């Protein structure tokens, strides 16, 4: 089982990015996917979850600014992030599990990607 993130980069504050998480070698359609971010010196932060039936959950702090979606034909989950701020600078990772018992708790996920770096400058 493998997850591969992409789409990160260096942007200016106010710009947007769309991150991708491509799944391979496991029954992707049967797994919930969550995006996390990890900044140096800070705890891992869950941002958004999308379930197999399309239900979506967002961290309260990010509602209205991010959108999660999935394309099951491409085995890909996307995270659209708008109005980026310097405090969004972090490594962004996706994680998968068939039934995460707590959406934004990293320990609830069995499969992880290696991440894609997002750097936002003011």
C-alpha atoms as a PDB file:
ATOM      1  CA  UNK A   1       0.000   0.000   0.000  1.00  0.00           C
ATOM      2  CA  UNK A   2       1.353   3.393  -0.955  1.00  0.00           C
ATOM      3  CA  UNK A   3       0.305   7.035  -0.862  1.00  0.00           C
ATOM      4  CA  UNK A   4       2.166   9.701  -2.808  1.00  0.00           C
ATOM      5  CA  UNK A   5       1.586  13.397  -2.237  1.00  0.00           C
ATOM      6  CA  UNK A   6       2.409  16.179  -4.683  1.00  0.00           C
ATOM      7  CA  UNK A   7       1.484  19.748  -5.477  1.00  0.00           C
ATOM      8  CA  UNK A   8       3.360  21.540  -2.743  1.00  0.00           C
ATOM      9  CA  UNK A   9       5.715  24.412  -3.374  1.00  0.00           C
ATOM     10  CA  UNK A  10       6.698  27.943  -2.440  1.00  0.00           C
ATOM     11  CA  UNK A  11       4.005  30.563  -2.850  1.00  0.00           C
ATOM     12  CA  UNK A  12       3.154  34.073  -1.714  1.00  0.00           C
ATOM     13  CA  UNK A  13       0.557  34.802   0.924  1.00  0.00           C
ATOM     14  CA  UNK A  14      -2.913  34.953  -0.581  1.00  0.00           C
ATOM     15  CA  UNK A  15      -2.204  32.430  -3.308  1.00  0.00           C
ATOM     16  CA  UNK A  16      -3.725  28.972  -3.693  1.00  0.00           C
ATOM     17  CA  UNK A  17      -2.432  25.438  -4.051  1.00  0.00           C
ATOM     18  CA  UNK A  18      -4.023  22.113  -4.880  1.00  0.00           C
ATOM     19  CA  UNK A  19      -2.351  19.119  -3.303  1.00  0.00           C
ATOM     20  CA  UNK A  20      -2.795  15.590  -4.624  1.00  0.00           C
ATOM     21  CA  UNK A  21      -2.623  12.251  -2.852  1.00  0.00           C
ATOM     22  CA  UNK A  22      -2.380   9.279  -5.203  1.00  0.00           C
ATOM     23  CA  UNK A  23      -3.047   5.807  -3.827  1.00  0.00           C
ATOM     24  CA  UNK A  24      -1.656   2.561  -5.156  1.00  0.00           C
ATOM     25  CA  UNK A  25      -1.510  -1.124  -4.299  1.00  0.00           C
ATOM     26  CA  UNK A  26      -4.564  -1.230  -2.037  1.00  0.00           C
ATOM     27  CA  UNK A  27      -8.373  -1.020  -2.425  1.00  0.00           C
ATOM     28  CA  UNK A  28      -8.417   2.761  -2.414  1.00  0.00           C
ATOM     29  CA  UNK A  29     -12.185   3.095  -2.763  1.00  0.00           C
ATOM     30  CA  UNK A  30     -12.668   1.286   0.563  1.00  0.00           C
ATOM     31  CA  UNK A  31     -10.514   3.700   2.563  1.00  0.00           C
ATOM     32  CA  UNK A  32     -11.121   7.050   4.192  1.00  0.00           C
ATOM     33  CA  UNK A  33      -8.417   9.625   3.479  1.00  0.00           C
ATOM     34  CA  UNK A  34      -7.330  12.492   5.706  1.00  0.00           C
ATOM     35  CA  UNK A  35      -4.918  15.329   5.084  1.00  0.00           C
ATOM     36  CA  UNK A  36      -2.615  16.303   7.946  1.00  0.00           C
ATOM     37  CA  UNK A  37       0.089  18.877   8.226  1.00  0.00           C
ATOM     38  CA  UNK A  38       3.193  18.931  10.351  1.00  0.00           C
ATOM     39  CA  UNK A  39       5.168  22.086  11.027  1.00  0.00           C
ATOM     40  CA  UNK A  40       8.488  22.122  12.913  1.00  0.00           C
ATOM     41  CA  UNK A  41       7.906  22.364  16.638  1.00  0.00           C
ATOM     42  CA  UNK A  42       4.155  21.893  16.320  1.00  0.00           C
ATOM     43  CA  UNK A  43       1.864  18.933  16.774  1.00  0.00           C
ATOM     44  CA  UNK A  44       0.464  17.170  13.738  1.00  0.00           C
ATOM     45  CA  UNK A  45      -2.796  18.820  12.687  1.00  0.00           C
ATOM     46  CA  UNK A  46      -5.683  17.111  10.925  1.00  0.00           C
ATOM     47  CA  UNK A  47      -7.237  19.294   8.235  1.00  0.00           C
ATOM     48  CA  UNK A  48      -9.871  17.394   6.276  1.00  0.00           C
ATOM     49  CA  UNK A  49     -11.257  13.885   5.883  1.00  0.00           C
ATOM     50  CA  UNK A  50     -13.193  12.335   3.053  1.00  0.00           C
ATOM     51  CA  UNK A  51     -14.931   9.006   3.447  1.00  0.00           C
ATOM     52  CA  UNK A  52     -15.724   6.335   0.900  1.00  0.00           C
ATOM     53  CA  UNK A  53     -19.298   7.592   0.563  1.00  0.00           C
ATOM     54  CA  UNK A  54     -18.129  11.138  -0.063  1.00  0.00           C
ATOM     55  CA  UNK A  55     -18.845  12.576   3.386  1.00  0.00           C
ATOM     56  CA  UNK A  56     -16.394  15.311   4.271  1.00  0.00           C
ATOM     57  CA  UNK A  57     -15.189  16.700   7.579  1.00  0.00           C
ATOM     58  CA  UNK A  58     -13.076  19.782   8.114  1.00  0.00           C
ATOM     59  CA  UNK A  59     -11.090  21.183  10.984  1.00  0.00           C
ATOM     60  CA  UNK A  60     -13.045  24.133  12.368  1.00  0.00           C
ATOM     61  CA  UNK A  61     -10.048  26.399  11.918  1.00  0.00           C
ATOM     62  CA  UNK A  62      -9.902  25.704   8.174  1.00  0.00           C
ATOM     63  CA  UNK A  63     -13.569  25.598   7.178  1.00  0.00           C
ATOM     64  CA  UNK A  64     -14.242  27.812   4.199  1.00  0.00           C
ATOM     65  CA  UNK A  65     -10.623  27.983   3.162  1.00  0.00           C
ATOM     66  CA  UNK A  66      -9.900  24.410   2.139  1.00  0.00           C
ATOM     67  CA  UNK A  67     -11.781  21.815   0.123  1.00  0.00           C
ATOM     68  CA  UNK A  68     -11.185  18.073   0.019  1.00  0.00           C
ATOM     69  CA  UNK A  69     -12.340  15.944  -2.890  1.00  0.00           C
ATOM     70  CA  UNK A  70     -11.668  12.532  -4.348  1.00  0.00           C
ATOM     71  CA  UNK A  71     -11.562  11.089  -7.831  1.00  0.00           C
ATOM     72  CA  UNK A  72     -12.022   7.364  -7.510  1.00  0.00           C
ATOM     73  CA  UNK A  73     -11.275   6.809 -11.194  1.00  0.00           C
ATOM     74  CA  UNK A  74      -7.803   8.245 -10.617  1.00  0.00           C
ATOM     75  CA  UNK A  75      -7.302   6.878  -7.062  1.00  0.00           C
ATOM     76  CA  UNK A  76      -6.607  10.449  -6.020  1.00  0.00           C
ATOM     77  CA  UNK A  77      -7.684  12.742  -3.199  1.00  0.00           C
ATOM     78  CA  UNK A  78      -7.182  16.474  -3.567  1.00  0.00           C
ATOM     79  CA  UNK A  79      -6.820  19.280  -1.059  1.00  0.00           C
ATOM     80  CA  UNK A  80      -7.554  22.728  -2.444  1.00  0.00           C
ATOM     81  CA  UNK A  81      -6.153  25.471  -0.226  1.00  0.00           C
ATOM     82  CA  UNK A  82      -6.980  29.114  -0.793  1.00  0.00           C
ATOM     83  CA  UNK A  83      -5.824  32.388   0.752  1.00  0.00           C
ATOM     84  CA  UNK A  84      -2.628  30.792   1.998  1.00  0.00           C
ATOM     85  CA  UNK A  85      -0.883  32.366   4.974  1.00  0.00           C
ATOM     86  CA  UNK A  86       2.694  32.075   6.256  1.00  0.00           C
ATOM     87  CA  UNK A  87       1.397  29.986   9.164  1.00  0.00           C
ATOM     88  CA  UNK A  88       0.277  27.379   6.628  1.00  0.00           C
ATOM     89  CA  UNK A  89       3.924  26.552   6.028  1.00  0.00           C
ATOM     90  CA  UNK A  90       4.310  22.857   6.828  1.00  0.00           C
ATOM     91  CA  UNK A  91       4.770  19.379   5.449  1.00  0.00           C
ATOM     92  CA  UNK A  92       1.401  18.132   4.206  1.00  0.00           C
ATOM     93  CA  UNK A  93       0.705  14.414   4.402  1.00  0.00           C
ATOM     94  CA  UNK A  94      -2.200  12.203   3.507  1.00  0.00           C
ATOM     95  CA  UNK A  95      -3.209   9.114   5.451  1.00  0.00           C
ATOM     96  CA  UNK A  96      -5.606   6.273   4.746  1.00  0.00           C
ATOM     97  CA  UNK A  97      -7.558   3.789   6.798  1.00  0.00           C
ATOM     98  CA  UNK A  98     -10.639   1.652   6.123  1.00  0.00           C
ATOM     99  CA  UNK A  99     -12.316   2.874   9.313  1.00  0.00           C
ATOM    100  CA  UNK A 100     -10.478   5.589  11.250  1.00  0.00           C
ATOM    101  CA  UNK A 101     -11.882   5.672  14.774  1.00  0.00           C
ATOM    102  CA  UNK A 102     -10.993   9.341  15.173  1.00  0.00           C
ATOM    103  CA  UNK A 103     -10.692  11.411  12.028  1.00  0.00           C
ATOM    104  CA  UNK A 104      -7.937  13.823  13.019  1.00  0.00           C
ATOM    105  CA  UNK A 105      -5.886  11.537  15.236  1.00  0.00           C
ATOM    106  CA  UNK A 106      -2.734  10.333  13.410  1.00  0.00           C
ATOM    107  CA  UNK A 107      -2.696   7.032  15.306  1.00  0.00           C
ATOM    108  CA  UNK A 108      -5.988   6.057  13.695  1.00  0.00           C
ATOM    109  CA  UNK A 109      -4.380   5.636  10.269  1.00  0.00           C
ATOM    110  CA  UNK A 110      -2.428   2.691   8.947  1.00  0.00           C
ATOM    111  CA  UNK A 111      -1.109   4.052   5.661  1.00  0.00           C
ATOM    112  CA  UNK A 112       0.852   7.272   5.229  1.00  0.00           C
ATOM    113  CA  UNK A 113       2.526   9.137   2.433  1.00  0.00           C
ATOM    114  CA  UNK A 114       5.853  10.878   2.763  1.00  0.00           C
ATOM    115  CA  UNK A 115       4.437  14.366   2.361  1.00  0.00           C
ATOM    116  CA  UNK A 116       4.765  17.435   0.193  1.00  0.00           C
ATOM    117  CA  UNK A 117       6.233  20.681   1.506  1.00  0.00           C
ATOM    118  CA  UNK A 118       4.253  23.908   1.390  1.00  0.00           C
ATOM    119  CA  UNK A 119       6.060  27.166   2.082  1.00  0.00           C
ATOM    120  CA  UNK A 120       4.149  30.442   2.191  1.00  0.00           C
ATOM    121  CA  UNK A 121       6.016  33.727   2.306  1.00  0.00           C
ATOM    122  CA  UNK A 122       4.608  37.088   3.266  1.00  0.00           C
END
